[in-house]
């Protein structure tokens, strides 16, 4: 009698650990900025060589996001603990700073997956060492939007 109940017990145990809710591996809300140039009035995508980028958070050490790489766009994590996020962009020993002011709203994905943050860009400020202008393409940054969606165009 005991031997017959052991497989039943394991079957019930296995079934109780299975969840119907499958979480996406990617639930971060990140800002995507594409690099652009304007030549003779024509806007072009561009690849910038030697890009190093840091995130700056108050009371914490700067975090290295990119280290001397060639890129046509950057994907930046925003600070959900403040109403702004700051970054340092270093290209071949020239430096620009970027401050993005945003609102943050948390929403529940599901009980098992937890919460995600949705950011709305309010405005931005930047030094003009290399950056000529920045254009806002999409103000809403949400993990549920398409991953290849762009939020800012940075013109050099």
Protein backbone atom coordinates (compact mmCIF):
# COMPACT_ATOMS: atom_id res chain seq x y z
CA UNK A 1 0.00 0.00 0.00
CA UNK A 2 2.79 2.42 0.89
CA UNK A 3 4.67 1.69 -2.34
CA UNK A 4 1.64 2.67 -4.45
CA UNK A 5 1.20 5.99 -2.65
CA UNK A 6 4.81 7.15 -3.22
CA UNK A 7 4.41 7.75 -7.01
CA UNK A 8 1.12 9.52 -6.36
CA UNK A 9 2.80 11.75 -3.78
CA UNK A 10 5.58 12.73 -6.24
CA UNK A 11 3.05 13.38 -8.98
CA UNK A 12 1.10 15.74 -6.72
CA UNK A 13 4.30 17.44 -5.57
CA UNK A 14 5.46 18.00 -9.15
CA UNK A 15 2.08 19.35 -10.18
CA UNK A 16 1.96 21.80 -7.27
CA UNK A 17 5.31 23.33 -8.31
CA UNK A 18 4.17 24.03 -11.86
CA UNK A 19 2.90 27.53 -12.53
CA UNK A 20 0.76 28.61 -15.44
CA UNK A 21 2.31 32.07 -15.45
CA UNK A 22 5.54 32.20 -17.44
CA UNK A 23 7.59 35.35 -16.94
CA UNK A 24 9.45 37.05 -19.74
CA UNK A 25 13.19 36.93 -19.30
CA UNK A 26 13.34 40.57 -20.30
CA UNK A 27 11.36 42.83 -17.97
CA UNK A 28 13.73 45.80 -17.71
CA UNK A 29 12.59 49.17 -19.02
CA UNK A 30 15.60 50.68 -20.78
CA UNK A 31 16.07 53.81 -22.83
CA UNK A 32 17.35 53.32 -26.39
CA UNK A 33 19.26 56.21 -27.99
CA UNK A 34 20.42 56.07 -31.63
CA UNK A 35 23.43 58.07 -32.85
CA UNK A 36 22.83 60.36 -35.84
CA UNK A 37 24.66 62.89 -37.98
CA UNK A 38 23.36 65.52 -40.38
CA UNK A 39 25.28 66.01 -43.63
CA UNK A 40 23.99 68.52 -46.20
CA UNK A 41 20.54 68.43 -44.59
CA UNK A 42 20.30 64.62 -44.69
CA UNK A 43 19.96 62.69 -41.40
CA UNK A 44 22.13 59.57 -41.27
CA UNK A 45 22.64 56.78 -38.77
CA UNK A 46 26.24 56.71 -37.62
CA UNK A 47 28.59 54.40 -35.79
CA UNK A 48 30.74 56.08 -33.15
CA UNK A 49 34.07 54.46 -32.24
CA UNK A 50 35.60 54.43 -28.78
CA UNK A 51 32.36 54.94 -26.82
CA UNK A 52 32.69 54.64 -23.05
CA UNK A 53 29.57 55.33 -20.99
CA UNK A 54 28.93 55.50 -17.26
CA UNK A 55 25.72 55.76 -15.25
CA UNK A 56 25.85 58.14 -12.28
CA UNK A 57 23.78 57.51 -9.13
CA UNK A 58 23.92 59.62 -5.98
CA UNK A 59 25.72 57.88 -3.15
CA UNK A 60 26.92 55.01 -5.33
CA UNK A 61 30.00 54.46 -7.46
CA UNK A 62 29.63 55.19 -11.17
CA UNK A 63 28.64 52.12 -13.17
CA UNK A 64 30.36 51.29 -16.43
CA UNK A 65 27.80 50.58 -19.15
CA UNK A 66 30.01 50.55 -22.28
CA UNK A 67 33.80 50.41 -22.43
CA UNK A 68 35.60 51.67 -25.56
CA UNK A 69 33.30 50.07 -28.12
CA UNK A 70 31.93 51.05 -31.53
CA UNK A 71 28.18 51.61 -31.44
CA UNK A 72 25.32 53.04 -33.45
CA UNK A 73 23.02 53.11 -30.42
CA UNK A 74 23.12 52.77 -26.66
CA UNK A 75 20.70 51.01 -24.31
CA UNK A 76 20.61 52.74 -20.93
CA UNK A 77 19.06 51.63 -17.64
CA UNK A 78 17.09 54.40 -15.93
CA UNK A 79 17.10 55.09 -12.19
CA UNK A 80 13.72 54.14 -10.73
CA UNK A 81 14.66 55.59 -7.31
CA UNK A 82 14.93 59.18 -8.56
CA UNK A 83 13.06 61.39 -11.00
CA UNK A 84 16.19 61.70 -13.14
CA UNK A 85 18.98 59.56 -14.57
CA UNK A 86 22.48 60.83 -15.35
CA UNK A 87 25.12 59.51 -17.71
CA UNK A 88 28.64 60.38 -18.83
CA UNK A 89 29.46 59.81 -22.49
CA UNK A 90 33.18 59.67 -23.26
CA UNK A 91 34.39 59.42 -26.85
CA UNK A 92 38.12 59.59 -27.49
CA UNK A 93 38.80 61.65 -24.36
CA UNK A 94 35.99 64.13 -25.02
CA UNK A 95 33.17 64.04 -22.50
CA UNK A 96 29.49 64.99 -22.48
CA UNK A 97 27.04 64.60 -19.62
CA UNK A 98 23.39 63.74 -20.11
CA UNK A 99 20.61 64.18 -17.55
CA UNK A 100 17.20 62.73 -18.34
CA UNK A 101 14.31 63.88 -16.15
CA UNK A 102 11.51 61.33 -16.01
CA UNK A 103 8.54 60.12 -14.05
CA UNK A 104 8.38 56.52 -12.90
CA UNK A 105 5.26 54.41 -12.54
CA UNK A 106 5.35 50.82 -11.28
CA UNK A 107 2.81 48.27 -12.43
CA UNK A 108 2.34 44.61 -11.63
CA UNK A 109 3.14 42.15 -14.39
CA UNK A 110 1.76 39.23 -12.35
CA UNK A 111 1.97 37.77 -8.87
CA UNK A 112 4.85 35.46 -9.77
CA UNK A 113 6.71 37.86 -12.11
CA UNK A 114 6.48 40.92 -9.89
CA UNK A 115 6.57 44.58 -10.90
CA UNK A 116 8.01 46.51 -13.84
CA UNK A 117 8.74 50.21 -14.16
CA UNK A 118 7.37 52.47 -16.88
CA UNK A 119 9.24 55.74 -17.38
CA UNK A 120 8.03 58.88 -19.12
CA UNK A 121 10.70 61.32 -20.30
CA UNK A 122 9.85 64.84 -19.16
CA UNK A 123 12.93 66.66 -20.51
CA UNK A 124 16.68 66.31 -20.79
CA UNK A 125 19.80 68.42 -20.44
CA UNK A 126 23.23 67.79 -21.91
CA UNK A 127 26.58 69.44 -22.26
CA UNK A 128 27.51 70.33 -25.82
CA UNK A 129 31.07 69.14 -26.16
CA UNK A 130 30.31 66.57 -28.88
CA UNK A 131 26.51 66.36 -28.80
CA UNK A 132 24.91 68.87 -31.14
CA UNK A 133 21.24 68.20 -30.34
CA UNK A 134 18.97 65.48 -28.95
CA UNK A 135 15.56 64.70 -30.40
CA UNK A 136 12.86 62.88 -28.44
CA UNK A 137 11.28 60.14 -30.57
CA UNK A 138 9.17 58.38 -27.93
CA UNK A 139 8.62 59.59 -24.36
CA UNK A 140 7.37 56.29 -22.90
CA UNK A 141 9.91 53.65 -21.89
CA UNK A 142 8.23 50.39 -20.98
CA UNK A 143 9.42 46.78 -20.85
CA UNK A 144 6.25 45.70 -22.67
CA UNK A 145 7.02 47.83 -25.72
CA UNK A 146 9.10 46.52 -28.59
CA UNK A 147 12.76 46.02 -27.69
CA UNK A 148 14.01 47.71 -30.86
CA UNK A 149 12.00 50.86 -30.18
CA UNK A 150 14.03 54.09 -30.02
CA UNK A 151 13.43 56.90 -27.54
CA UNK A 152 16.11 59.50 -28.34
CA UNK A 153 18.21 60.44 -31.34
CA UNK A 154 21.55 61.95 -30.38
CA UNK A 155 23.05 64.12 -33.12
CA UNK A 156 26.83 64.65 -33.36
